[in-house]
Amino acid sequence: MTPASLFRDTFYLHVADFDSVSAYNGAEAIKKLREAKTKTVPELILLDIMMPGVTAKEVVEEISKAEEYSRIKIIYVTAVNVSEAEEKDMLKLKHVVGFITKRKPVLKEKAKKVYK
């Protein structure tokens, strides 16, 4: 995820009245999630499947380990083509409730729909 796309996605969420916290990669996402334990654990995570370093699957596995994260919903976000079989496989993981392709201007609408 580039800084520009991270900014764009965060902007869309603010327009949709979501509070958001951004992370550039999987390791930073896990770190921020651990820091949130003392504050408010997020209800929804938009997780890019093409992050540098720690993979999206590893982030999901880390979230699945802790009881305090049991209510978190995760939506995968990607700008690459993913086959239906790959998408189905990714949606099997605990906490994962949706999949968004960023090339379509639907981030705000899909986030609201899945979150409801």
C-alpha atoms as a PDB file:
ATOM      1  CA  MET A   1       0.000   0.000   0.000  1.00  0.00           C
ATOM      2  CA  THR A   2       1.425   3.337  -0.958  1.00  0.00           C
ATOM      3  CA  PRO A   3       1.195   6.370   1.322  1.00  0.00           C
ATOM      4  CA  ALA A   4      -1.121   7.992  -1.244  1.00  0.00           C
ATOM      5  CA  SER A   5      -3.550   5.065  -1.267  1.00  0.00           C
ATOM      6  CA  LEU A   6      -3.439   4.854   2.528  1.00  0.00           C
ATOM      7  CA  PHE A   7      -4.325   8.554   2.712  1.00  0.00           C
ATOM      8  CA  ARG A   8      -7.123   8.131   0.151  1.00  0.00           C
ATOM      9  CA  ASP A   9      -8.656   5.164   1.968  1.00  0.00           C
ATOM     10  CA  THR A  10      -8.464   6.949   5.329  1.00  0.00           C
ATOM     11  CA  PHE A  11     -10.110   9.997   3.766  1.00  0.00           C
ATOM     12  CA  TYR A  12     -13.009   7.893   2.444  1.00  0.00           C
ATOM     13  CA  LEU A  13     -13.577   6.460   5.913  1.00  0.00           C
ATOM     14  CA  HIS A  14     -13.628   9.902   7.518  1.00  0.00           C
ATOM     15  CA  VAL A  15     -16.171  11.054   4.916  1.00  0.00           C
ATOM     16  CA  ALA A  16     -18.304   8.025   5.891  1.00  0.00           C
ATOM     17  CA  ASP A  17     -18.113   9.119   9.566  1.00  0.00           C
ATOM     18  CA  PHE A  18     -15.713   6.384  10.672  1.00  0.00           C
ATOM     19  CA  ASP A  19     -12.866   7.101  13.083  1.00  0.00           C
ATOM     20  CA  SER A  20      -9.742   5.469  11.705  1.00  0.00           C
ATOM     21  CA  VAL A  21      -6.172   4.619  12.550  1.00  0.00           C
ATOM     22  CA  SER A  22      -3.762   3.834   9.716  1.00  0.00           C
ATOM     23  CA  ALA A  23      -0.833   1.448   9.562  1.00  0.00           C
ATOM     24  CA  TYR A  24       1.606   1.187   6.680  1.00  0.00           C
ATOM     25  CA  ASN A  25       2.333  -2.544   7.099  1.00  0.00           C
ATOM     26  CA  GLY A  26       1.281  -5.643   9.023  1.00  0.00           C
ATOM     27  CA  ALA A  27       3.808  -5.232  11.838  1.00  0.00           C
ATOM     28  CA  GLU A  28       2.650  -1.663  12.458  1.00  0.00           C
ATOM     29  CA  ALA A  29      -1.000  -2.813  12.371  1.00  0.00           C
ATOM     30  CA  ILE A  30      -0.327  -5.431  15.057  1.00  0.00           C
ATOM     31  CA  LYS A  31       1.590  -2.901  17.163  1.00  0.00           C
ATOM     32  CA  LYS A  32      -1.246  -0.364  16.978  1.00  0.00           C
ATOM     33  CA  LEU A  33      -3.794  -3.045  17.770  1.00  0.00           C
ATOM     34  CA  ARG A  34      -1.855  -4.052  20.891  1.00  0.00           C
ATOM     35  CA  GLU A  35      -1.663  -0.398  21.942  1.00  0.00           C
ATOM     36  CA  ALA A  36      -5.442  -0.135  21.485  1.00  0.00           C
ATOM     37  CA  LYS A  37      -5.986  -2.735  24.237  1.00  0.00           C
ATOM     38  CA  THR A  38      -5.600   0.038  26.785  1.00  0.00           C
ATOM     39  CA  LYS A  39      -7.991   2.280  24.852  1.00  0.00           C
ATOM     40  CA  THR A  40     -10.692   1.137  22.473  1.00  0.00           C
ATOM     41  CA  VAL A  41     -10.299  -2.038  20.437  1.00  0.00           C
ATOM     42  CA  PRO A  42     -11.456  -1.406  16.855  1.00  0.00           C
ATOM     43  CA  GLU A  43     -14.714  -2.884  15.641  1.00  0.00           C
ATOM     44  CA  LEU A  44     -13.622  -3.076  12.008  1.00  0.00           C
ATOM     45  CA  ILE A  45     -10.248  -3.461  10.290  1.00  0.00           C
ATOM     46  CA  LEU A  46      -9.700  -2.859   6.579  1.00  0.00           C
ATOM     47  CA  LEU A  47      -6.701  -5.036   5.810  1.00  0.00           C
ATOM     48  CA  ASP A  48      -4.743  -4.780   2.571  1.00  0.00           C
ATOM     49  CA  ILE A  49      -3.749  -8.254   1.390  1.00  0.00           C
ATOM     50  CA  MET A  50      -0.541  -6.983  -0.263  1.00  0.00           C
ATOM     51  CA  MET A  51       1.329  -5.459   2.698  1.00  0.00           C
ATOM     52  CA  PRO A  52       5.107  -5.469   3.019  1.00  0.00           C
ATOM     53  CA  GLY A  53       6.607  -7.638   5.772  1.00  0.00           C
ATOM     54  CA  VAL A  54       4.010  -9.341   7.963  1.00  0.00           C
ATOM     55  CA  THR A  55       1.297 -10.757   5.715  1.00  0.00           C
ATOM     56  CA  ALA A  56      -2.425 -10.109   5.991  1.00  0.00           C
ATOM     57  CA  LYS A  57      -2.941 -13.755   6.932  1.00  0.00           C
ATOM     58  CA  GLU A  58      -0.431 -13.385   9.795  1.00  0.00           C
ATOM     59  CA  VAL A  59      -2.262 -10.265  11.021  1.00  0.00           C
ATOM     60  CA  VAL A  60      -5.565 -12.183  10.999  1.00  0.00           C
ATOM     61  CA  GLU A  61      -3.936 -15.086  12.868  1.00  0.00           C
ATOM     62  CA  GLU A  62      -2.595 -12.664  15.515  1.00  0.00           C
ATOM     63  CA  ILE A  63      -6.052 -11.149  15.955  1.00  0.00           C
ATOM     64  CA  SER A  64      -7.599 -14.606  16.274  1.00  0.00           C
ATOM     65  CA  LYS A  65      -5.311 -15.497  19.204  1.00  0.00           C
ATOM     66  CA  ALA A  66      -6.659 -12.955  21.692  1.00  0.00           C
ATOM     67  CA  GLU A  67     -10.096 -13.065  23.307  1.00  0.00           C
ATOM     68  CA  GLU A  68     -10.238  -9.264  23.581  1.00  0.00           C
ATOM     69  CA  TYR A  69     -10.229  -9.129  19.768  1.00  0.00           C
ATOM     70  CA  SER A  70     -13.117 -11.588  19.383  1.00  0.00           C
ATOM     71  CA  ARG A  71     -15.581  -8.940  18.158  1.00  0.00           C
ATOM     72  CA  ILE A  72     -13.306  -7.417  15.505  1.00  0.00           C
ATOM     73  CA  LYS A  73     -14.540  -7.739  11.936  1.00  0.00           C
ATOM     74  CA  ILE A  74     -12.018  -7.703   9.091  1.00  0.00           C
ATOM     75  CA  ILE A  75     -12.569  -6.689   5.488  1.00  0.00           C
ATOM     76  CA  TYR A  76      -9.780  -7.540   3.062  1.00  0.00           C
ATOM     77  CA  VAL A  77      -8.893  -4.761   0.639  1.00  0.00           C
ATOM     78  CA  THR A  78      -6.846  -5.204  -2.521  1.00  0.00           C
ATOM     79  CA  ALA A  79      -5.933  -3.525  -5.789  1.00  0.00           C
ATOM     80  CA  VAL A  80      -4.877  -6.808  -7.463  1.00  0.00           C
ATOM     81  CA  ASN A  81      -7.002  -9.371  -9.243  1.00  0.00           C
ATOM     82  CA  VAL A  82      -7.941 -12.260  -6.985  1.00  0.00           C
ATOM     83  CA  SER A  83      -9.642 -15.371  -8.291  1.00  0.00           C
ATOM     84  CA  GLU A  84     -12.967 -16.454  -6.841  1.00  0.00           C
ATOM     85  CA  ALA A  85     -11.248 -19.504  -5.329  1.00  0.00           C
ATOM     86  CA  GLU A  86      -8.594 -17.334  -3.625  1.00  0.00           C
ATOM     87  CA  GLU A  87     -11.263 -14.946  -2.351  1.00  0.00           C
ATOM     88  CA  LYS A  88     -13.341 -17.847  -0.971  1.00  0.00           C
ATOM     89  CA  ASP A  89     -10.276 -19.260   0.772  1.00  0.00           C
ATOM     90  CA  MET A  90      -9.418 -15.900   2.379  1.00  0.00           C
ATOM     91  CA  LEU A  91     -13.002 -15.431   3.586  1.00  0.00           C
ATOM     92  CA  LYS A  92     -12.811 -18.695   5.564  1.00  0.00           C
ATOM     93  CA  LEU A  93     -10.534 -17.175   8.208  1.00  0.00           C
ATOM     94  CA  LYS A  94     -12.018 -16.195  11.553  1.00  0.00           C
ATOM     95  CA  HIS A  95     -13.052 -12.517  11.765  1.00  0.00           C
ATOM     96  CA  VAL A  96     -13.007 -11.991   7.975  1.00  0.00           C
ATOM     97  CA  VAL A  97     -16.422 -10.773   6.827  1.00  0.00           C
ATOM     98  CA  GLY A  98     -15.797  -9.202   3.446  1.00  0.00           C
ATOM     99  CA  PHE A  99     -13.582  -8.439   0.499  1.00  0.00           C
ATOM    100  CA  ILE A 100     -13.224  -5.139  -1.371  1.00  0.00           C
ATOM    101  CA  THR A 101     -11.397  -4.481  -4.620  1.00  0.00           C
ATOM    102  CA  LYS A 102      -9.991  -0.930  -4.375  1.00  0.00           C
ATOM    103  CA  ARG A 103     -10.067  -0.300  -8.098  1.00  0.00           C
ATOM    104  CA  LYS A 104     -13.801   0.240  -7.863  1.00  0.00           C
ATOM    105  CA  PRO A 105     -15.011   3.385  -6.073  1.00  0.00           C
ATOM    106  CA  VAL A 106     -16.984   1.375  -3.525  1.00  0.00           C
ATOM    107  CA  LEU A 107     -14.851   1.457  -0.386  1.00  0.00           C
ATOM    108  CA  LYS A 108     -17.202   3.723   1.573  1.00  0.00           C
ATOM    109  CA  GLU A 109     -20.402   1.922   0.550  1.00  0.00           C
ATOM    110  CA  LYS A 110     -19.048  -1.594   1.154  1.00  0.00           C
ATOM    111  CA  ALA A 111     -17.544  -0.638   4.503  1.00  0.00           C
ATOM    112  CA  LYS A 112     -20.925   0.701   5.658  1.00  0.00           C
ATOM    113  CA  LYS A 113     -22.775  -2.362   4.321  1.00  0.00           C
ATOM    114  CA  VAL A 114     -20.478  -4.942   5.931  1.00  0.00           C
ATOM    115  CA  TYR A 115     -20.204  -3.013   9.190  1.00  0.00           C
ATOM    116  CA  LYS A 116     -23.999  -2.834   9.756  1.00  0.00           C
END
